[in-house]
């Protein structure tokens, strides 16, 4: 169902590694940094994500992740169950 690895950046899900491909969420900042990027499905039934091809460029990846951070949703709170 899901890919091999989910990638978190400062507590938020930024993307993942699916079938040896780095895919990130398609937020506006990522789209503007990767204007020629292709959209791909990480797995059947999932939303399209952006394929990151420049995976060896550390400066680019750092800039990409930092620029995406503010647009990413906050992690969902886990429900706590109280013991009676």
C-alpha atoms as a PDB file:
ATOM      1  CA  UNK A   1       0.000   0.000   0.000  1.00  0.00           C
ATOM      2  CA  UNK A   2       2.420   2.708   1.148  1.00  0.00           C
ATOM      3  CA  UNK A   3       5.979   3.319   0.068  1.00  0.00           C
ATOM      4  CA  UNK A   4       9.192   2.386   1.694  1.00  0.00           C
ATOM      5  CA  UNK A   5       9.931   5.481   3.800  1.00  0.00           C
ATOM      6  CA  UNK A   6       7.996   8.539   4.969  1.00  0.00           C
ATOM      7  CA  UNK A   7      10.187  11.633   5.368  1.00  0.00           C
ATOM      8  CA  UNK A   8       9.644  14.049   8.241  1.00  0.00           C
ATOM      9  CA  UNK A   9      11.150  17.516   8.515  1.00  0.00           C
ATOM     10  CA  UNK A  10      10.930  19.181  11.917  1.00  0.00           C
ATOM     11  CA  UNK A  11       7.961  16.992  12.840  1.00  0.00           C
ATOM     12  CA  UNK A  12       5.960  17.453   9.628  1.00  0.00           C
ATOM     13  CA  UNK A  13       5.582  14.968   6.790  1.00  0.00           C
ATOM     14  CA  UNK A  14       7.339  16.421   3.765  1.00  0.00           C
ATOM     15  CA  UNK A  15       7.297  13.456   1.403  1.00  0.00           C
ATOM     16  CA  UNK A  16       8.720  10.004   1.065  1.00  0.00           C
ATOM     17  CA  UNK A  17      10.805   7.526  -0.857  1.00  0.00           C
ATOM     18  CA  UNK A  18       8.610   5.330  -3.024  1.00  0.00           C
ATOM     19  CA  UNK A  19      10.068   2.731  -5.392  1.00  0.00           C
ATOM     20  CA  UNK A  20      13.491   4.433  -5.330  1.00  0.00           C
ATOM     21  CA  UNK A  21      11.980   7.873  -6.072  1.00  0.00           C
ATOM     22  CA  UNK A  22      12.037  10.932  -3.814  1.00  0.00           C
ATOM     23  CA  UNK A  23       8.562  12.468  -3.897  1.00  0.00           C
ATOM     24  CA  UNK A  24       7.502  15.567  -1.956  1.00  0.00           C
ATOM     25  CA  UNK A  25       4.102  17.074  -1.287  1.00  0.00           C
ATOM     26  CA  UNK A  26       2.959  19.467  -3.982  1.00  0.00           C
ATOM     27  CA  UNK A  27       2.781  22.688  -1.994  1.00  0.00           C
ATOM     28  CA  UNK A  28       3.167  26.042  -3.765  1.00  0.00           C
ATOM     29  CA  UNK A  29       6.753  26.665  -2.645  1.00  0.00           C
ATOM     30  CA  UNK A  30       7.888  23.281  -3.995  1.00  0.00           C
ATOM     31  CA  UNK A  31       6.074  23.897  -7.258  1.00  0.00           C
ATOM     32  CA  UNK A  32       7.784  27.275  -7.672  1.00  0.00           C
ATOM     33  CA  UNK A  33      11.248  25.825  -6.922  1.00  0.00           C
ATOM     34  CA  UNK A  34      10.750  22.863  -9.275  1.00  0.00           C
ATOM     35  CA  UNK A  35       8.787  24.347 -12.156  1.00  0.00           C
ATOM     36  CA  UNK A  36       9.651  21.515 -14.536  1.00  0.00           C
ATOM     37  CA  UNK A  37       9.048  18.705 -12.034  1.00  0.00           C
ATOM     38  CA  UNK A  38       6.722  15.887 -12.967  1.00  0.00           C
ATOM     39  CA  UNK A  39       3.815  14.720 -10.863  1.00  0.00           C
ATOM     40  CA  UNK A  40       3.813  11.049  -9.919  1.00  0.00           C
ATOM     41  CA  UNK A  41       1.739   8.753  -7.769  1.00  0.00           C
ATOM     42  CA  UNK A  42       3.591   7.253  -4.811  1.00  0.00           C
ATOM     43  CA  UNK A  43       1.175   4.307  -4.810  1.00  0.00           C
ATOM     44  CA  UNK A  44      -2.241   3.452  -6.224  1.00  0.00           C
ATOM     45  CA  UNK A  45      -4.986   5.642  -4.800  1.00  0.00           C
ATOM     46  CA  UNK A  46      -2.659   8.333  -3.405  1.00  0.00           C
ATOM     47  CA  UNK A  47      -2.479  12.017  -4.272  1.00  0.00           C
ATOM     48  CA  UNK A  48       0.069  13.066  -6.859  1.00  0.00           C
ATOM     49  CA  UNK A  49       3.403  14.283  -5.531  1.00  0.00           C
ATOM     50  CA  UNK A  50       6.364  16.073  -7.090  1.00  0.00           C
ATOM     51  CA  UNK A  51       9.318  13.997  -8.240  1.00  0.00           C
ATOM     52  CA  UNK A  52      12.637  15.406  -6.992  1.00  0.00           C
ATOM     53  CA  UNK A  53      15.323  14.617  -9.538  1.00  0.00           C
ATOM     54  CA  UNK A  54      18.194  16.711  -8.132  1.00  0.00           C
ATOM     55  CA  UNK A  55      18.728  14.422  -5.133  1.00  0.00           C
ATOM     56  CA  UNK A  56      22.507  14.856  -4.982  1.00  0.00           C
ATOM     57  CA  UNK A  57      22.345  18.633  -4.516  1.00  0.00           C
ATOM     58  CA  UNK A  58      22.378  19.176  -0.751  1.00  0.00           C
ATOM     59  CA  UNK A  59      21.870  22.948  -0.968  1.00  0.00           C
ATOM     60  CA  UNK A  60      18.824  22.505  -3.197  1.00  0.00           C
ATOM     61  CA  UNK A  61      17.260  19.899  -0.885  1.00  0.00           C
ATOM     62  CA  UNK A  62      17.843  22.053   2.209  1.00  0.00           C
ATOM     63  CA  UNK A  63      16.303  25.071   0.484  1.00  0.00           C
ATOM     64  CA  UNK A  64      13.374  22.960  -0.750  1.00  0.00           C
ATOM     65  CA  UNK A  65      12.576  21.521   2.672  1.00  0.00           C
ATOM     66  CA  UNK A  66      12.964  24.873   4.450  1.00  0.00           C
ATOM     67  CA  UNK A  67      10.715  26.635   1.960  1.00  0.00           C
ATOM     68  CA  UNK A  68       8.035  23.915   2.180  1.00  0.00           C
ATOM     69  CA  UNK A  69       7.902  23.770   5.973  1.00  0.00           C
ATOM     70  CA  UNK A  70       5.501  26.681   6.614  1.00  0.00           C
ATOM     71  CA  UNK A  71       2.983  25.375   4.075  1.00  0.00           C
ATOM     72  CA  UNK A  72       2.849  21.852   5.449  1.00  0.00           C
ATOM     73  CA  UNK A  73       0.014  20.943   7.815  1.00  0.00           C
ATOM     74  CA  UNK A  74       0.783  20.450  11.487  1.00  0.00           C
ATOM     75  CA  UNK A  75       0.862  16.838  12.654  1.00  0.00           C
ATOM     76  CA  UNK A  76      -2.451  15.508  13.865  1.00  0.00           C
ATOM     77  CA  UNK A  77      -2.785  15.134  17.601  1.00  0.00           C
ATOM     78  CA  UNK A  78      -2.956  11.559  18.793  1.00  0.00           C
ATOM     79  CA  UNK A  79      -6.016  10.688  20.777  1.00  0.00           C
ATOM     80  CA  UNK A  80      -5.228   9.721  24.326  1.00  0.00           C
ATOM     81  CA  UNK A  81      -7.272   7.110  26.045  1.00  0.00           C
ATOM     82  CA  UNK A  82      -7.763   7.292  29.746  1.00  0.00           C
ATOM     83  CA  UNK A  83      -7.647   4.132  31.775  1.00  0.00           C
ATOM     84  CA  UNK A  84     -10.514   3.593  34.157  1.00  0.00           C
END
